[in-house]
């Protein structure tokens, strides 16, 4: 029994059998115009459930949020952005494919 529990725990930690991550890309309104805007988004969104990574681009006016879809969803993330003063338009919401340990063999 203990070994099954240990195997399950290790599998969860390694992401085996878990759901794939997704990347949500949104454009914020009002526009981000400085590093302070980027930091505001990053520092607040990192506390949202399921969020694993946040990237911002002033040039493209985009925020890329990597999240676990079993813990959060697009509407939840948009509501979180609204709480900090940004309306959002969804550019894309795509599955992040896990990298193969052996590389991409065809």
Protein backbone atom coordinates (compact mmCIF):
# COMPACT_ATOMS: atom_id res chain seq x y z
CA UNK A 1 0.00 0.00 0.00
CA UNK A 2 2.80 2.42 0.89
CA UNK A 3 4.60 1.73 -2.39
CA UNK A 4 1.45 2.50 -4.42
CA UNK A 5 1.02 5.76 -2.54
CA UNK A 6 4.67 6.66 -3.11
CA UNK A 7 4.44 5.88 -6.84
CA UNK A 8 1.29 7.99 -7.14
CA UNK A 9 2.93 10.89 -5.31
CA UNK A 10 6.05 10.75 -7.50
CA UNK A 11 3.90 10.57 -10.65
CA UNK A 12 1.96 13.65 -9.59
CA UNK A 13 5.15 15.56 -8.81
CA UNK A 14 6.63 14.66 -12.19
CA UNK A 15 3.42 15.48 -14.02
CA UNK A 16 2.84 11.92 -15.21
CA UNK A 17 -0.84 11.32 -15.77
CA UNK A 18 -1.62 14.94 -14.93
CA UNK A 19 -3.29 17.41 -17.22
CA UNK A 20 -1.22 19.38 -19.70
CA UNK A 21 -0.61 23.05 -19.12
CA UNK A 22 -2.23 25.71 -21.29
CA UNK A 23 -0.98 29.11 -22.38
CA UNK A 24 -3.49 31.96 -22.43
CA UNK A 25 -2.41 35.04 -24.36
CA UNK A 26 -4.39 38.23 -23.76
CA UNK A 27 -4.12 41.89 -24.68
CA UNK A 28 -4.79 44.19 -21.72
CA UNK A 29 -6.83 47.39 -21.75
CA UNK A 30 -5.61 49.93 -20.74
CA UNK A 31 -2.32 49.23 -22.49
CA UNK A 32 0.82 48.47 -20.56
CA UNK A 33 3.16 51.41 -21.03
CA UNK A 34 6.05 50.75 -18.64
CA UNK A 35 7.89 48.22 -16.53
CA UNK A 36 5.68 49.13 -13.57
CA UNK A 37 2.60 47.96 -15.50
CA UNK A 38 4.31 44.67 -16.29
CA UNK A 39 5.32 44.19 -12.65
CA UNK A 40 1.78 44.93 -11.44
CA UNK A 41 0.41 42.17 -13.66
CA UNK A 42 3.14 39.68 -12.82
CA UNK A 43 3.07 40.28 -9.07
CA UNK A 44 -0.72 39.93 -8.83
CA UNK A 45 -1.35 37.11 -11.32
CA UNK A 46 1.29 34.81 -9.83
CA UNK A 47 -1.03 34.20 -6.87
CA UNK A 48 -3.91 32.92 -9.00
CA UNK A 49 -4.66 29.21 -8.71
CA UNK A 50 -2.93 27.08 -11.31
CA UNK A 51 -0.70 29.85 -12.71
CA UNK A 52 2.84 28.57 -13.30
CA UNK A 53 4.38 31.30 -15.46
CA UNK A 54 3.62 34.85 -16.62
CA UNK A 55 5.36 36.67 -19.46
CA UNK A 56 4.62 40.20 -20.64
CA UNK A 57 5.54 42.06 -23.82
CA UNK A 58 5.29 45.83 -24.00
CA UNK A 59 6.06 45.75 -27.74
CA UNK A 60 3.22 43.38 -28.62
CA UNK A 61 0.97 44.50 -25.74
CA UNK A 62 0.44 40.87 -24.74
CA UNK A 63 0.41 38.89 -21.52
CA UNK A 64 1.09 35.14 -21.74
CA UNK A 65 -0.17 33.17 -18.74
CA UNK A 66 0.79 29.51 -18.43
CA UNK A 67 -1.74 27.71 -16.23
CA UNK A 68 -3.06 24.32 -15.21
CA UNK A 69 -6.60 23.94 -16.65
CA UNK A 70 -7.61 21.61 -13.83
CA UNK A 71 -7.09 24.47 -11.37
CA UNK A 72 -8.24 27.53 -13.33
CA UNK A 73 -9.80 28.58 -16.64
CA UNK A 74 -9.88 31.48 -19.09
CA UNK A 75 -12.77 33.25 -17.36
CA UNK A 76 -11.12 32.93 -13.95
CA UNK A 77 -7.89 34.44 -15.27
CA UNK A 78 -9.76 37.24 -17.05
CA UNK A 79 -11.62 38.05 -13.82
CA UNK A 80 -8.30 38.18 -11.96
CA UNK A 81 -6.94 40.65 -14.54
CA UNK A 82 -10.12 42.72 -14.14
CA UNK A 83 -9.55 42.87 -10.36
CA UNK A 84 -6.21 44.62 -10.94
CA UNK A 85 -7.67 47.07 -13.43
CA UNK A 86 -7.24 45.44 -16.84
CA UNK A 87 -9.93 44.32 -19.24
CA UNK A 88 -8.62 41.63 -21.56
CA UNK A 89 -9.15 40.34 -25.05
CA UNK A 90 -8.17 36.71 -25.61
CA UNK A 91 -5.64 36.27 -28.41
CA UNK A 92 -5.23 32.51 -27.91
CA UNK A 93 -5.59 29.68 -25.42
CA UNK A 94 -3.48 26.71 -26.46
CA UNK A 95 -2.25 23.49 -24.91
CA UNK A 96 1.42 23.45 -24.00
CA UNK A 97 2.82 20.14 -25.16
CA UNK A 98 5.21 18.39 -22.80
CA UNK A 99 8.76 18.18 -24.06
CA UNK A 100 9.92 14.70 -24.87
CA UNK A 101 12.94 13.48 -22.89
CA UNK A 102 14.29 11.81 -26.05
CA UNK A 103 13.84 14.84 -28.27
CA UNK A 104 11.47 15.10 -31.19
CA UNK A 105 12.01 11.91 -33.17
CA UNK A 106 10.01 11.48 -36.36
